[in-house]
N, C-alpha and C. Protein backbone atom coordinates (compact mmCIF):
# COMPACT_ATOMS: atom_id res chain seq x y z
N MET A 1 15.30 -9.41 -1.68
CA MET A 1 14.61 -8.22 -1.21
C MET A 1 13.21 -8.21 -1.83
N ILE A 2 12.23 -7.95 -1.02
CA ILE A 2 10.84 -7.88 -1.47
C ILE A 2 10.42 -6.42 -1.53
N THR A 3 9.83 -6.04 -2.66
CA THR A 3 9.29 -4.70 -2.82
C THR A 3 7.78 -4.80 -2.84
N ALA A 4 7.14 -3.96 -2.04
CA ALA A 4 5.68 -3.92 -2.01
C ALA A 4 5.22 -2.48 -2.17
N ILE A 5 4.11 -2.33 -2.84
CA ILE A 5 3.46 -1.03 -2.99
C ILE A 5 2.22 -1.09 -2.11
N VAL A 6 2.16 -0.20 -1.13
CA VAL A 6 1.04 -0.21 -0.19
C VAL A 6 0.18 1.02 -0.46
N LEU A 7 -1.05 0.77 -0.90
CA LEU A 7 -2.02 1.84 -1.12
C LEU A 7 -2.71 2.09 0.21
N ILE A 8 -2.75 3.34 0.62
CA ILE A 8 -3.23 3.68 1.96
C ILE A 8 -4.38 4.67 1.87
N TYR A 9 -5.47 4.29 2.49
CA TYR A 9 -6.63 5.18 2.63
C TYR A 9 -6.49 5.83 4.00
N ALA A 10 -6.51 7.17 4.03
CA ALA A 10 -6.23 7.89 5.27
C ALA A 10 -7.31 8.92 5.56
N ALA A 11 -7.39 9.28 6.83
CA ALA A 11 -8.28 10.36 7.24
C ALA A 11 -7.77 11.65 6.59
N THR A 12 -8.63 12.32 5.87
CA THR A 12 -8.23 13.49 5.09
C THR A 12 -7.55 14.57 5.92
N ASP A 13 -8.02 14.79 7.13
CA ASP A 13 -7.46 15.86 7.96
C ASP A 13 -6.13 15.48 8.59
N ARG A 14 -5.65 14.25 8.38
CA ARG A 14 -4.40 13.81 8.99
C ARG A 14 -3.37 13.32 7.97
N ILE A 15 -3.59 13.60 6.70
CA ILE A 15 -2.69 13.07 5.67
C ILE A 15 -1.23 13.44 5.89
N PRO A 16 -0.86 14.69 6.13
CA PRO A 16 0.56 14.99 6.30
C PRO A 16 1.20 14.26 7.49
N GLU A 17 0.51 14.24 8.63
CA GLU A 17 1.05 13.58 9.82
C GLU A 17 1.12 12.06 9.62
N THR A 18 0.09 11.52 9.00
CA THR A 18 0.05 10.09 8.73
C THR A 18 1.18 9.69 7.78
N ALA A 19 1.36 10.46 6.72
CA ALA A 19 2.42 10.17 5.75
C ALA A 19 3.79 10.20 6.41
N GLN A 20 4.05 11.19 7.26
CA GLN A 20 5.35 11.29 7.91
C GLN A 20 5.58 10.13 8.88
N ALA A 21 4.54 9.77 9.63
CA ALA A 21 4.67 8.65 10.57
C ALA A 21 4.97 7.35 9.82
N ILE A 22 4.35 7.15 8.68
CA ILE A 22 4.60 5.96 7.87
C ILE A 22 6.02 6.00 7.30
N ALA A 23 6.44 7.16 6.83
CA ALA A 23 7.78 7.31 6.26
C ALA A 23 8.87 7.01 7.29
N ASP A 24 8.58 7.19 8.56
CA ASP A 24 9.55 6.96 9.63
C ASP A 24 9.68 5.48 10.02
N ILE A 25 8.86 4.61 9.44
CA ILE A 25 8.90 3.18 9.77
C ILE A 25 10.02 2.50 8.99
N ASP A 26 10.83 1.70 9.68
CA ASP A 26 11.89 0.94 9.02
C ASP A 26 11.29 0.03 7.96
N GLY A 27 11.86 0.05 6.78
CA GLY A 27 11.37 -0.75 5.66
C GLY A 27 10.56 0.07 4.67
N VAL A 28 10.06 1.21 5.10
CA VAL A 28 9.34 2.11 4.20
C VAL A 28 10.37 3.04 3.58
N THR A 29 10.49 3.00 2.25
CA THR A 29 11.51 3.81 1.59
C THR A 29 10.98 5.14 1.09
N GLU A 30 9.70 5.18 0.75
CA GLU A 30 9.10 6.40 0.22
C GLU A 30 7.61 6.40 0.55
N VAL A 31 7.06 7.59 0.71
CA VAL A 31 5.61 7.75 0.85
C VAL A 31 5.20 8.93 -0.01
N TYR A 32 4.17 8.72 -0.83
CA TYR A 32 3.68 9.76 -1.72
C TYR A 32 2.23 10.08 -1.37
N SER A 33 1.90 11.36 -1.28
CA SER A 33 0.49 11.74 -1.24
C SER A 33 0.08 11.90 -2.70
N CYS A 34 -1.14 11.53 -3.01
CA CYS A 34 -1.52 11.53 -4.42
C CYS A 34 -3.01 11.78 -4.61
N ALA A 35 -3.35 12.10 -5.83
CA ALA A 35 -4.76 12.26 -6.21
C ALA A 35 -5.24 10.91 -6.72
N GLY A 36 -6.54 10.70 -6.67
CA GLY A 36 -7.09 9.45 -7.16
C GLY A 36 -7.84 8.70 -6.09
N ASP A 37 -7.89 7.40 -6.24
CA ASP A 37 -8.69 6.57 -5.34
C ASP A 37 -8.08 6.40 -3.95
N VAL A 38 -6.77 6.56 -3.83
CA VAL A 38 -6.11 6.40 -2.53
C VAL A 38 -5.47 7.72 -2.12
N ASP A 39 -5.16 7.82 -0.84
CA ASP A 39 -4.59 9.07 -0.31
C ASP A 39 -3.07 9.05 -0.29
N LEU A 40 -2.49 7.89 0.03
CA LEU A 40 -1.04 7.75 0.14
C LEU A 40 -0.59 6.46 -0.53
N ILE A 41 0.61 6.48 -1.07
CA ILE A 41 1.23 5.26 -1.59
C ILE A 41 2.59 5.14 -0.92
N ALA A 42 2.83 3.99 -0.29
CA ALA A 42 4.10 3.74 0.37
C ALA A 42 4.85 2.65 -0.39
N MET A 43 6.13 2.89 -0.60
CA MET A 43 7.01 1.88 -1.18
C MET A 43 7.72 1.21 -0.01
N VAL A 44 7.64 -0.10 0.03
CA VAL A 44 8.21 -0.86 1.13
C VAL A 44 9.22 -1.85 0.56
N ARG A 45 10.38 -1.92 1.18
CA ARG A 45 11.40 -2.89 0.77
C ARG A 45 11.89 -3.61 2.03
N VAL A 46 11.64 -4.91 2.07
CA VAL A 46 12.00 -5.72 3.23
C VAL A 46 12.67 -7.01 2.78
N ARG A 47 13.27 -7.70 3.71
CA ARG A 47 14.04 -8.90 3.40
C ARG A 47 13.18 -10.11 3.05
N ASP A 48 12.03 -10.27 3.72
CA ASP A 48 11.24 -11.48 3.49
C ASP A 48 9.75 -11.22 3.68
N HIS A 49 8.95 -12.20 3.26
CA HIS A 49 7.50 -12.07 3.34
C HIS A 49 7.01 -11.97 4.78
N GLU A 50 7.68 -12.65 5.68
CA GLU A 50 7.28 -12.60 7.09
C GLU A 50 7.39 -11.19 7.64
N THR A 51 8.47 -10.50 7.30
CA THR A 51 8.65 -9.11 7.75
C THR A 51 7.55 -8.23 7.15
N LEU A 52 7.24 -8.44 5.88
CA LEU A 52 6.17 -7.68 5.24
C LEU A 52 4.83 -7.94 5.92
N ALA A 53 4.59 -9.20 6.24
CA ALA A 53 3.33 -9.57 6.89
C ALA A 53 3.18 -8.93 8.27
N GLU A 54 4.29 -8.64 8.92
CA GLU A 54 4.25 -7.95 10.22
C GLU A 54 4.18 -6.43 10.04
N LEU A 55 4.91 -5.92 9.05
CA LEU A 55 5.03 -4.47 8.87
C LEU A 55 3.72 -3.80 8.45
N VAL A 56 3.02 -4.38 7.49
CA VAL A 56 1.83 -3.70 6.96
C VAL A 56 0.72 -3.64 8.01
N PRO A 57 0.23 -4.75 8.53
CA PRO A 57 -0.84 -4.61 9.52
C PRO A 57 -0.35 -4.17 10.90
N GLY A 58 0.86 -4.57 11.26
CA GLY A 58 1.35 -4.30 12.61
C GLY A 58 1.93 -2.92 12.82
N ARG A 59 2.44 -2.31 11.77
CA ARG A 59 3.05 -0.98 11.90
C ARG A 59 2.27 0.06 11.10
N ILE A 60 2.18 -0.14 9.78
CA ILE A 60 1.50 0.85 8.93
C ILE A 60 0.02 0.93 9.30
N GLY A 61 -0.63 -0.21 9.44
CA GLY A 61 -2.06 -0.23 9.74
C GLY A 61 -2.43 0.38 11.07
N ARG A 62 -1.46 0.50 11.97
CA ARG A 62 -1.73 1.07 13.30
C ARG A 62 -1.38 2.55 13.43
N VAL A 63 -0.87 3.14 12.37
CA VAL A 63 -0.56 4.58 12.40
C VAL A 63 -1.88 5.36 12.49
N GLN A 64 -1.90 6.33 13.36
CA GLN A 64 -3.10 7.16 13.51
C GLN A 64 -3.42 7.83 12.18
N GLY A 65 -4.65 7.69 11.73
CA GLY A 65 -5.08 8.28 10.46
C GLY A 65 -5.21 7.27 9.34
N VAL A 66 -4.61 6.08 9.50
CA VAL A 66 -4.75 5.04 8.48
C VAL A 66 -6.11 4.36 8.65
N LEU A 67 -6.90 4.38 7.58
CA LEU A 67 -8.22 3.77 7.61
C LEU A 67 -8.22 2.37 7.02
N ASP A 68 -7.41 2.16 5.97
CA ASP A 68 -7.35 0.86 5.31
C ASP A 68 -6.11 0.82 4.43
N THR A 69 -5.65 -0.38 4.10
CA THR A 69 -4.51 -0.54 3.20
C THR A 69 -4.82 -1.61 2.17
N ASP A 70 -4.09 -1.55 1.07
CA ASP A 70 -4.18 -2.54 0.00
C ASP A 70 -2.75 -2.75 -0.49
N THR A 71 -2.21 -3.94 -0.29
CA THR A 71 -0.80 -4.20 -0.56
C THR A 71 -0.61 -4.99 -1.85
N HIS A 72 0.33 -4.54 -2.67
CA HIS A 72 0.69 -5.20 -3.92
C HIS A 72 2.17 -5.56 -3.87
N ILE A 73 2.50 -6.82 -4.11
CA ILE A 73 3.90 -7.26 -4.09
C ILE A 73 4.44 -7.24 -5.52
N ALA A 74 5.59 -6.62 -5.68
CA ALA A 74 6.22 -6.52 -7.00
C ALA A 74 7.01 -7.79 -7.30
N PHE A 75 6.91 -8.29 -8.54
CA PHE A 75 7.68 -9.44 -8.97
C PHE A 75 9.01 -9.04 -9.57
N ARG A 76 8.98 -8.04 -10.46
CA ARG A 76 10.18 -7.58 -11.15
C ARG A 76 10.17 -6.07 -11.25
N SER A 77 11.37 -5.51 -11.41
CA SER A 77 11.50 -4.08 -11.64
C SER A 77 11.98 -3.85 -13.06
N TYR A 78 11.33 -2.94 -13.74
CA TYR A 78 11.73 -2.57 -15.09
C TYR A 78 12.19 -1.12 -15.14
N SER A 79 12.60 -0.60 -14.01
CA SER A 79 13.01 0.78 -13.88
C SER A 79 14.39 1.01 -14.51
N SER A 80 14.52 2.08 -15.29
CA SER A 80 15.83 2.42 -15.84
C SER A 80 16.76 2.86 -14.72
N ARG A 81 16.22 3.39 -13.65
CA ARG A 81 17.02 3.80 -12.49
C ARG A 81 17.74 2.59 -11.90
N ASP A 82 17.02 1.46 -11.74
CA ASP A 82 17.63 0.25 -11.20
C ASP A 82 18.72 -0.28 -12.12
N THR A 83 18.47 -0.24 -13.41
CA THR A 83 19.45 -0.72 -14.38
C THR A 83 20.71 0.14 -14.34
N GLU A 84 20.54 1.45 -14.32
CA GLU A 84 21.68 2.36 -14.25
C GLU A 84 22.48 2.15 -12.97
N ALA A 85 21.79 1.94 -11.85
CA ALA A 85 22.47 1.72 -10.57
C ALA A 85 23.30 0.43 -10.61
N ALA A 86 22.78 -0.61 -11.23
CA ALA A 86 23.50 -1.88 -11.30
C ALA A 86 24.80 -1.73 -12.09
N PHE A 87 24.80 -0.94 -13.15
CA PHE A 87 25.99 -0.76 -13.96
C PHE A 87 26.93 0.30 -13.41
N ALA A 88 26.47 1.05 -12.42
CA ALA A 88 27.29 2.12 -11.85
C ALA A 88 28.05 1.65 -10.61
N ILE A 89 27.92 0.38 -10.24
CA ILE A 89 28.59 -0.14 -9.05
C ILE A 89 30.09 0.03 -9.21
N GLY A 90 30.70 0.68 -8.23
CA GLY A 90 32.14 0.89 -8.26
C GLY A 90 32.57 2.13 -9.00
N ASP A 91 31.64 2.88 -9.60
CA ASP A 91 31.97 4.13 -10.29
C ASP A 91 31.89 5.30 -9.33
N ASP A 92 33.00 5.61 -8.71
CA ASP A 92 33.01 6.76 -7.79
C ASP A 92 34.01 7.79 -8.21
């Protein structure tokens, strides 16, 4: 599984609609509106690089209100949430 962080520059007057449209795309797990240099941050989880290469420019980049994107591919996760989930498998 490939995790990518997509920084999204969006038209200011369309941020809520743009964020929701991006969140509705398969492979996008979360979208955050934020303060700082970018308007939105999308977390993307896909099976392979080819899918990512199609998803970012072909789907996210074409959403109305998206002006530009900057994609960062994650190598490893150091999240305590991920560690807890791995040890909780089968605990129901």
